[in-house]
Amino acid sequence: MEIRQGQESEMALIFLFGCCVFPLFFFALHWALHRTRALGMDQLRAIYVAAKLVSSIQAIMASTAGYIIFSSCQHVIDDQ
């Protein structure tokens, strides 16, 4: 499989984007869940819920990407 220079830099940018966005999303959720008085969550429970939410979002995104790849290929094993 041959990767062009543009694809390589695009994949690196997507990787860096994911490395920045998901931890920031986790910390923002943790902060919001811990600070919201109506929920009454202690810090440990807020961390647990924030981690589950971020993990669920990543799973949905991975499943969607897999579905798009699967539906766009005629033969998944042989296509590139």
PDB file of N, CA and C in Angstrom:
ATOM      1  N   MET A   1       0.843  -1.169   0.000  1.00  0.00           N
ATOM      2  CA  MET A   1       0.000   0.000   0.000  1.00  0.00           C
ATOM      3  C   MET A   1       0.890   1.235   0.000  1.00  0.00           C
ATOM      4  N   GLU A   2       0.639   2.124  -0.906  1.00  0.00           N
ATOM      5  CA  GLU A   2       1.461   3.306  -1.059  1.00  0.00           C
ATOM      6  C   GLU A   2       0.743   4.523  -0.481  1.00  0.00           C
ATOM      7  N   ILE A   3       1.440   5.289   0.353  1.00  0.00           N
ATOM      8  CA  ILE A   3       0.860   6.481   0.960  1.00  0.00           C
ATOM      9  C   ILE A   3       1.568   7.702   0.382  1.00  0.00           C
ATOM     10  N   ARG A   4       0.774   8.631  -0.149  1.00  0.00           N
ATOM     11  CA  ARG A   4       1.332   9.864  -0.698  1.00  0.00           C
ATOM     12  C   ARG A   4       1.708  10.810   0.442  1.00  0.00           C
ATOM     13  N   GLN A   5       2.532  11.804   0.133  1.00  0.00           N
ATOM     14  CA  GLN A   5       3.005  12.765   1.127  1.00  0.00           C
ATOM     15  C   GLN A   5       1.848  13.531   1.754  1.00  0.00           C
ATOM     16  N   GLY A   6       0.862  13.912   0.963  1.00  0.00           N
ATOM     17  CA  GLY A   6      -0.281  14.640   1.492  1.00  0.00           C
ATOM     18  C   GLY A   6      -1.096  13.814   2.454  1.00  0.00           C
ATOM     19  N   GLN A   7      -1.259  12.530   2.166  1.00  0.00           N
ATOM     20  CA  GLN A   7      -2.009  11.647   3.053  1.00  0.00           C
ATOM     21  C   GLN A   7      -1.278  11.442   4.371  1.00  0.00           C
ATOM     22  N   GLU A   8       0.034  11.358   4.308  1.00  0.00           N
ATOM     23  CA  GLU A   8       0.824  11.148   5.516  1.00  0.00           C
ATOM     24  C   GLU A   8       0.689  12.335   6.465  1.00  0.00           C
ATOM     25  N   SER A   9       0.773  13.548   5.936  1.00  0.00           N
ATOM     26  CA  SER A   9       0.644  14.725   6.792  1.00  0.00           C
ATOM     27  C   SER A   9      -0.791  14.889   7.285  1.00  0.00           C
ATOM     28  N   GLU A  10      -1.750  14.487   6.470  1.00  0.00           N
ATOM     29  CA  GLU A  10      -3.151  14.562   6.891  1.00  0.00           C
ATOM     30  C   GLU A  10      -3.419  13.598   8.043  1.00  0.00           C
ATOM     31  N   MET A  11      -2.869  12.390   7.943  1.00  0.00           N
ATOM     32  CA  MET A  11      -3.039  11.410   9.024  1.00  0.00           C
ATOM     33  C   MET A  11      -2.350  11.881  10.299  1.00  0.00           C
ATOM     34  N   ALA A  12      -1.203  12.531  10.176  1.00  0.00           N
ATOM     35  CA  ALA A  12      -0.504  13.050  11.351  1.00  0.00           C
ATOM     36  C   ALA A  12      -1.310  14.155  12.023  1.00  0.00           C
ATOM     37  N   LEU A  13      -1.944  15.013  11.232  1.00  0.00           N
ATOM     38  CA  LEU A  13      -2.780  16.071  11.800  1.00  0.00           C
ATOM     39  C   LEU A  13      -4.002  15.500  12.514  1.00  0.00           C
ATOM     40  N   ILE A  14      -4.608  14.488  11.933  1.00  0.00           N
ATOM     41  CA  ILE A  14      -5.761  13.847  12.575  1.00  0.00           C
ATOM     42  C   ILE A  14      -5.334  13.199  13.888  1.00  0.00           C
ATOM     43  N   PHE A  15      -4.170  12.564  13.889  1.00  0.00           N
ATOM     44  CA  PHE A  15      -3.642  11.946  15.111  1.00  0.00           C
ATOM     45  C   PHE A  15      -3.409  13.007  16.194  1.00  0.00           C
ATOM     46  N   LEU A  16      -2.771  14.109  15.837  1.00  0.00           N
ATOM     47  CA  LEU A  16      -2.520  15.179  16.802  1.00  0.00           C
ATOM     48  C   LEU A  16      -3.814  15.806  17.298  1.00  0.00           C
ATOM     49  N   PHE A  17      -4.781  15.941  16.399  1.00  0.00           N
ATOM     50  CA  PHE A  17      -6.088  16.474  16.783  1.00  0.00           C
ATOM     51  C   PHE A  17      -6.739  15.582  17.837  1.00  0.00           C
ATOM     52  N   GLY A  18      -6.716  14.268  17.609  1.00  0.00           N
ATOM     53  CA  GLY A  18      -7.284  13.333  18.576  1.00  0.00           C
ATOM     54  C   GLY A  18      -6.548  13.336  19.898  1.00  0.00           C
ATOM     55  N   CYS A  19      -5.218  13.484  19.838  1.00  0.00           N
ATOM     56  CA  CYS A  19      -4.413  13.513  21.062  1.00  0.00           C
ATOM     57  C   CYS A  19      -4.694  14.752  21.906  1.00  0.00           C
ATOM     58  N   CYS A  20      -5.164  15.808  21.277  1.00  0.00           N
ATOM     59  CA  CYS A  20      -5.475  17.043  22.007  1.00  0.00           C
ATOM     60  C   CYS A  20      -6.942  17.119  22.422  1.00  0.00           C
ATOM     61  N   VAL A  21      -7.840  16.744  21.516  1.00  0.00           N
ATOM     62  CA  VAL A  21      -9.264  16.953  21.751  1.00  0.00           C
ATOM     63  C   VAL A  21      -9.828  16.034  22.824  1.00  0.00           C
ATOM     64  N   PHE A  22      -9.519  14.752  22.778  1.00  0.00           N
ATOM     65  CA  PHE A  22     -10.134  13.831  23.722  1.00  0.00           C
ATOM     66  C   PHE A  22      -9.704  14.064  25.171  1.00  0.00           C
ATOM     67  N   PRO A  23      -8.424  14.319  25.462  1.00  0.00           N
ATOM     68  CA  PRO A  23      -8.085  14.668  26.851  1.00  0.00           C
ATOM     69  C   PRO A  23      -8.732  15.978  27.310  1.00  0.00           C
ATOM     70  N   LEU A  24      -8.781  16.969  26.415  1.00  0.00           N
ATOM     71  CA  LEU A  24      -9.444  18.227  26.782  1.00  0.00           C
ATOM     72  C   LEU A  24     -10.929  18.012  27.031  1.00  0.00           C
ATOM     73  N   PHE A  25     -11.549  17.175  26.212  1.00  0.00           N
ATOM     74  CA  PHE A  25     -12.956  16.851  26.389  1.00  0.00           C
ATOM     75  C   PHE A  25     -13.170  16.139  27.727  1.00  0.00           C
ATOM     76  N   PHE A  26     -12.276  15.230  28.074  1.00  0.00           N
ATOM     77  CA  PHE A  26     -12.368  14.539  29.367  1.00  0.00           C
ATOM     78  C   PHE A  26     -12.275  15.533  30.522  1.00  0.00           C
ATOM     79  N   PHE A  27     -11.284  16.420  30.494  1.00  0.00           N
ATOM     80  CA  PHE A  27     -11.114  17.367  31.593  1.00  0.00           C
ATOM     81  C   PHE A  27     -12.277  18.338  31.684  1.00  0.00           C
ATOM     82  N   ALA A  28     -12.828  18.753  30.531  1.00  0.00           N
ATOM     83  CA  ALA A  28     -13.988  19.647  30.544  1.00  0.00           C
ATOM     84  C   ALA A  28     -15.209  18.940  31.136  1.00  0.00           C
ATOM     85  N   LEU A  29     -15.435  17.689  30.744  1.00  0.00           N
ATOM     86  CA  LEU A  29     -16.554  16.933  31.311  1.00  0.00           C
ATOM     87  C   LEU A  29     -16.368  16.705  32.803  1.00  0.00           C
ATOM     88  N   HIS A  30     -15.155  16.331  33.191  1.00  0.00           N
ATOM     89  CA  HIS A  30     -14.872  16.117  34.619  1.00  0.00           C
ATOM     90  C   HIS A  30     -15.141  17.383  35.410  1.00  0.00           C
ATOM     91  N   TRP A  31     -14.660  18.493  34.922  1.00  0.00           N
ATOM     92  CA  TRP A  31     -14.869  19.768  35.619  1.00  0.00           C
ATOM     93  C   TRP A  31     -16.356  20.098  35.711  1.00  0.00           C
ATOM     94  N   ALA A  32     -17.089  19.950  34.595  1.00  0.00           N
ATOM     95  CA  ALA A  32     -18.513  20.286  34.585  1.00  0.00           C
ATOM     96  C   ALA A  32     -19.314  19.360  35.499  1.00  0.00           C
ATOM     97  N   LEU A  33     -19.016  18.077  35.472  1.00  0.00           N
ATOM     98  CA  LEU A  33     -19.749  17.138  36.319  1.00  0.00           C
ATOM     99  C   LEU A  33     -19.456  17.361  37.798  1.00  0.00           C
ATOM    100  N   HIS A  34     -18.212  17.673  38.102  1.00  0.00           N
ATOM    101  CA  HIS A  34     -17.826  17.881  39.506  1.00  0.00           C
ATOM    102  C   HIS A  34     -18.373  19.196  40.053  1.00  0.00           C
ATOM    103  N   ARG A  35     -18.437  20.225  39.221  1.00  0.00           N
ATOM    104  CA  ARG A  35     -18.866  21.553  39.667  1.00  0.00           C
ATOM    105  C   ARG A  35     -20.380  21.749  39.656  1.00  0.00           C
ATOM    106  N   THR A  36     -21.121  20.924  38.939  1.00  0.00           N
ATOM    107  CA  THR A  36     -22.565  21.081  38.888  1.00  0.00           C
ATOM    108  C   THR A  36     -23.170  20.602  40.199  1.00  0.00           C
ATOM    109  N   ARG A  37     -23.739  21.534  40.931  1.00  0.00           N
ATOM    110  CA  ARG A  37     -24.265  21.210  42.256  1.00  0.00           C
ATOM    111  C   ARG A  37     -25.520  20.336  42.179  1.00  0.00           C
ATOM    112  N   ALA A  38     -26.285  20.470  41.116  1.00  0.00           N
ATOM    113  CA  ALA A  38     -27.518  19.682  40.989  1.00  0.00           C
ATOM    114  C   ALA A  38     -27.217  18.183  40.896  1.00  0.00           C
ATOM    115  N   LEU A  39     -26.062  17.829  40.323  1.00  0.00           N
ATOM    116  CA  LEU A  39     -25.700  16.418  40.211  1.00  0.00           C
ATOM    117  C   LEU A  39     -25.128  15.871  41.513  1.00  0.00           C
ATOM    118  N   GLY A  40     -24.470  16.720  42.267  1.00  0.00           N
ATOM    119  CA  GLY A  40     -23.913  16.312  43.560  1.00  0.00           C
ATOM    120  C   GLY A  40     -22.862  15.221  43.474  1.00  0.00           C
ATOM    121  N   MET A  41     -22.021  15.241  42.440  1.00  0.00           N
ATOM    122  CA  MET A  41     -20.996  14.209  42.272  1.00  0.00           C
ATOM    123  C   MET A  41     -19.718  14.593  42.991  1.00  0.00           C
ATOM    124  N   ASP A  42     -19.120  13.612  43.661  1.00  0.00           N
ATOM    125  CA  ASP A  42     -17.795  13.846  44.194  1.00  0.00           C
ATOM    126  C   ASP A  42     -16.777  13.688  43.054  1.00  0.00           C
ATOM    127  N   GLN A  43     -15.524  13.991  43.335  1.00  0.00           N
ATOM    128  CA  GLN A  43     -14.511  14.005  42.280  1.00  0.00           C
ATOM    129  C   GLN A  43     -14.300  12.632  41.645  1.00  0.00           C
ATOM    130  N   LEU A  44     -14.269  11.588  42.443  1.00  0.00           N
ATOM    131  CA  LEU A  44     -14.037  10.244  41.908  1.00  0.00           C
ATOM    132  C   LEU A  44     -15.169   9.807  40.982  1.00  0.00           C
ATOM    133  N   ARG A  45     -16.396  10.063  41.368  1.00  0.00           N
ATOM    134  CA  ARG A  45     -17.539   9.692  40.520  1.00  0.00           C
ATOM    135  C   ARG A  45     -17.543  10.524  39.239  1.00  0.00           C
ATOM    136  N   ALA A  46     -17.193  11.805  39.322  1.00  0.00           N
ATOM    137  CA  ALA A  46     -17.136  12.661  38.130  1.00  0.00           C
ATOM    138  C   ALA A  46     -16.078  12.154  37.152  1.00  0.00           C
ATOM    139  N   ILE A  47     -14.943  11.701  37.656  1.00  0.00           N
ATOM    140  CA  ILE A  47     -13.896  11.132  36.799  1.00  0.00           C
ATOM    141  C   ILE A  47     -14.407   9.874  36.116  1.00  0.00           C
ATOM    142  N   TYR A  48     -15.078   9.020  36.865  1.00  0.00           N
ATOM    143  CA  TYR A  48     -15.609   7.767  36.330  1.00  0.00           C
ATOM    144  C   TYR A  48     -16.616   8.035  35.205  1.00  0.00           C
ATOM    145  N   VAL A  49     -17.554   8.946  35.435  1.00  0.00           N
ATOM    146  CA  VAL A  49     -18.587   9.248  34.435  1.00  0.00           C
ATOM    147  C   VAL A  49     -17.977   9.925  33.215  1.00  0.00           C
ATOM    148  N   ALA A  50     -17.043  10.852  33.421  1.00  0.00           N
ATOM    149  CA  ALA A  50     -16.395  11.535  32.298  1.00  0.00           C
ATOM    150  C   ALA A  50     -15.618  10.550  31.435  1.00  0.00           C
ATOM    151  N   ALA A  51     -14.918   9.607  32.065  1.00  0.00           N
ATOM    152  CA  ALA A  51     -14.166   8.603  31.307  1.00  0.00           C
ATOM    153  C   ALA A  51     -15.107   7.723  30.494  1.00  0.00           C
ATOM    154  N   LYS A  52     -16.239   7.339  31.071  1.00  0.00           N
ATOM    155  CA  LYS A  52     -17.213   6.527  30.343  1.00  0.00           C
ATOM    156  C   LYS A  52     -17.813   7.288  29.167  1.00  0.00           C
ATOM    157  N   LEU A  53     -18.101   8.567  29.344  1.00  0.00           N
ATOM    158  CA  LEU A  53     -18.669   9.362  28.252  1.00  0.00           C
ATOM    159  C   LEU A  53     -17.681   9.538  27.098  1.00  0.00           C
ATOM    160  N   VAL A  54     -16.433   9.848  27.420  1.00  0.00           N
ATOM    161  CA  VAL A  54     -15.418  10.010  26.373  1.00  0.00           C
ATOM    162  C   VAL A  54     -15.179   8.675  25.664  1.00  0.00           C
ATOM    163  N   SER A  55     -15.144   7.597  26.407  1.00  0.00           N
ATOM    164  CA  SER A  55     -14.964   6.276  25.809  1.00  0.00           C
ATOM    165  C   SER A  55     -16.129   5.930  24.884  1.00  0.00           C
ATOM    166  N   SER A  56     -17.334   6.277  25.274  1.00  0.00           N
ATOM    167  CA  SER A  56     -18.506   6.019  24.428  1.00  0.00           C
ATOM    168  C   SER A  56     -18.449   6.815  23.137  1.00  0.00           C
ATOM    169  N   ILE A  57     -18.025   8.061  23.225  1.00  0.00           N
ATOM    170  CA  ILE A  57     -17.910   8.895  22.020  1.00  0.00           C
ATOM    171  C   ILE A  57     -16.847   8.336  21.082  1.00  0.00           C
ATOM    172  N   GLN A  58     -15.714   7.908  21.632  1.00  0.00           N
ATOM    173  CA  GLN A  58     -14.675   7.302  20.800  1.00  0.00           C
ATOM    174  C   GLN A  58     -15.166   6.015  20.152  1.00  0.00           C
ATOM    175  N   ALA A  59     -15.939   5.217  20.868  1.00  0.00           N
ATOM    176  CA  ALA A  59     -16.476   3.969  20.308  1.00  0.00           C
ATOM    177  C   ALA A  59     -17.465   4.251  19.177  1.00  0.00           C
ATOM    178  N   ILE A  60     -18.301   5.260  19.347  1.00  0.00           N
ATOM    179  CA  ILE A  60     -19.252   5.629  18.289  1.00  0.00           C
ATOM    180  C   ILE A  60     -18.510   6.104  17.051  1.00  0.00           C
ATOM    181  N   MET A  61     -17.467   6.915  17.252  1.00  0.00           N
ATOM    182  CA  MET A  61     -16.698   7.413  16.109  1.00  0.00           C
ATOM    183  C   MET A  61     -15.971   6.273  15.401  1.00  0.00           C
ATOM    184  N   ALA A  62     -15.400   5.333  16.139  1.00  0.00           N
ATOM    185  CA  ALA A  62     -14.697   4.197  15.535  1.00  0.00           C
ATOM    186  C   ALA A  62     -15.668   3.289  14.789  1.00  0.00           C
ATOM    187  N   SER A  63     -16.839   3.068  15.357  1.00  0.00           N
ATOM    188  CA  SER A  63     -17.844   2.238  14.685  1.00  0.00           C
ATOM    189  C   SER A  63     -18.345   2.902  13.412  1.00  0.00           C
ATOM    190  N   THR A  64     -18.527   4.205  13.455  1.00  0.00           N
ATOM    191  CA  THR A  64     -18.959   4.940  12.265  1.00  0.00           C
ATOM    192  C   THR A  64     -17.904   4.874  11.174  1.00  0.00           C
ATOM    193  N   ALA A  65     -16.634   5.046  11.544  1.00  0.00           N
ATOM    194  CA  ALA A  65     -15.553   4.946  10.556  1.00  0.00           C
ATOM    195  C   ALA A  65     -15.499   3.545   9.958  1.00  0.00           C
ATOM    196  N   GLY A  66     -15.652   2.523  10.779  1.00  0.00           N
ATOM    197  CA  GLY A  66     -15.672   1.155  10.273  1.00  0.00           C
ATOM    198  C   GLY A  66     -16.821   0.910   9.329  1.00  0.00           C
ATOM    199  N   TYR A  67     -17.987   1.431   9.657  1.00  0.00           N
ATOM    200  CA  TYR A  67     -19.146   1.270   8.777  1.00  0.00           C
ATOM    201  C   TYR A  67     -18.922   1.972   7.438  1.00  0.00           C
ATOM    202  N   ILE A  68     -18.355   3.171   7.463  1.00  0.00           N
ATOM    203  CA  ILE A  68     -18.100   3.914   6.225  1.00  0.00           C
ATOM    204  C   ILE A  68     -17.108   3.147   5.357  1.00  0.00           C
ATOM    205  N   ILE A  69     -16.058   2.630   5.963  1.00  0.00           N
ATOM    206  CA  ILE A  69     -15.067   1.863   5.204  1.00  0.00           C
ATOM    207  C   ILE A  69     -15.692   0.595   4.640  1.00  0.00           C
ATOM    208  N   PHE A  70     -16.459  -0.108   5.467  1.00  0.00           N
ATOM    209  CA  PHE A  70     -17.082  -1.355   5.024  1.00  0.00           C
ATOM    210  C   PHE A  70     -18.074  -1.121   3.895  1.00  0.00           C
ATOM    211  N   SER A  71     -18.863  -0.047   3.992  1.00  0.00           N
ATOM    212  CA  SER A  71     -19.885   0.197   2.976  1.00  0.00           C
ATOM    213  C   SER A  71     -19.307   0.766   1.682  1.00  0.00           C
ATOM    214  N   SER A  72     -18.101   1.323   1.719  1.00  0.00           N
ATOM    215  CA  SER A  72     -17.533   1.914   0.509  1.00  0.00           C
ATOM    216  C   SER A  72     -16.666   0.943  -0.284  1.00  0.00           C
ATOM    217  N   CYS A  73     -16.396  -0.247   0.240  1.00  0.00           N
ATOM    218  CA  CYS A  73     -15.544  -1.226  -0.438  1.00  0.00           C
ATOM    219  C   CYS A  73     -16.392  -2.342  -1.036  1.00  0.00           C
ATOM    220  N   GLN A  74     -15.954  -2.818  -2.203  1.00  0.00           N
ATOM    221  CA  GLN A  74     -16.612  -3.968  -2.806  1.00  0.00           C
ATOM    222  C   GLN A  74     -16.224  -5.250  -2.074  1.00  0.00           C
ATOM    223  N   HIS A  75     -14.923  -5.402  -1.839  1.00  0.00           N
ATOM    224  CA  HIS A  75     -14.411  -6.559  -1.130  1.00  0.00           C
ATOM    225  C   HIS A  75     -13.441  -6.034  -0.087  1.00  0.00           C
ATOM    226  N   VAL A  76     -13.831  -6.081   1.178  1.00  0.00           N
ATOM    227  CA  VAL A  76     -13.107  -5.402   2.254  1.00  0.00           C
ATOM    228  C   VAL A  76     -11.668  -5.891   2.390  1.00  0.00           C
ATOM    229  N   ILE A  77     -11.423  -7.169   2.234  1.00  0.00           N
ATOM    230  CA  ILE A  77     -10.078  -7.716   2.436  1.00  0.00           C
ATOM    231  C   ILE A  77      -9.140  -7.297   1.308  1.00  0.00           C
ATOM    232  N   ASP A  78      -9.610  -7.307   0.046  1.00  0.00           N
ATOM    233  CA  ASP A  78      -8.747  -7.035  -1.091  1.00  0.00           C
ATOM    234  C   ASP A  78      -8.617  -5.558  -1.443  1.00  0.00           C
ATOM    235  N   ASP A  79      -9.629  -4.744  -1.141  1.00  0.00           N
ATOM    236  CA  ASP A  79      -9.570  -3.322  -1.484  1.00  0.00           C
ATOM    237  C   ASP A  79      -8.587  -2.582  -0.601  1.00  0.00           C
ATOM    238  N   GLN A  80      -8.038  -1.485  -1.159  1.00  0.00           N
ATOM    239  CA  GLN A  80      -7.103  -0.671  -0.375  1.00  0.00           C
ATOM    240  C   GLN A  80      -7.718   0.672  -0.104  1.00  0.00           C
TER     241      GLN A  80
END
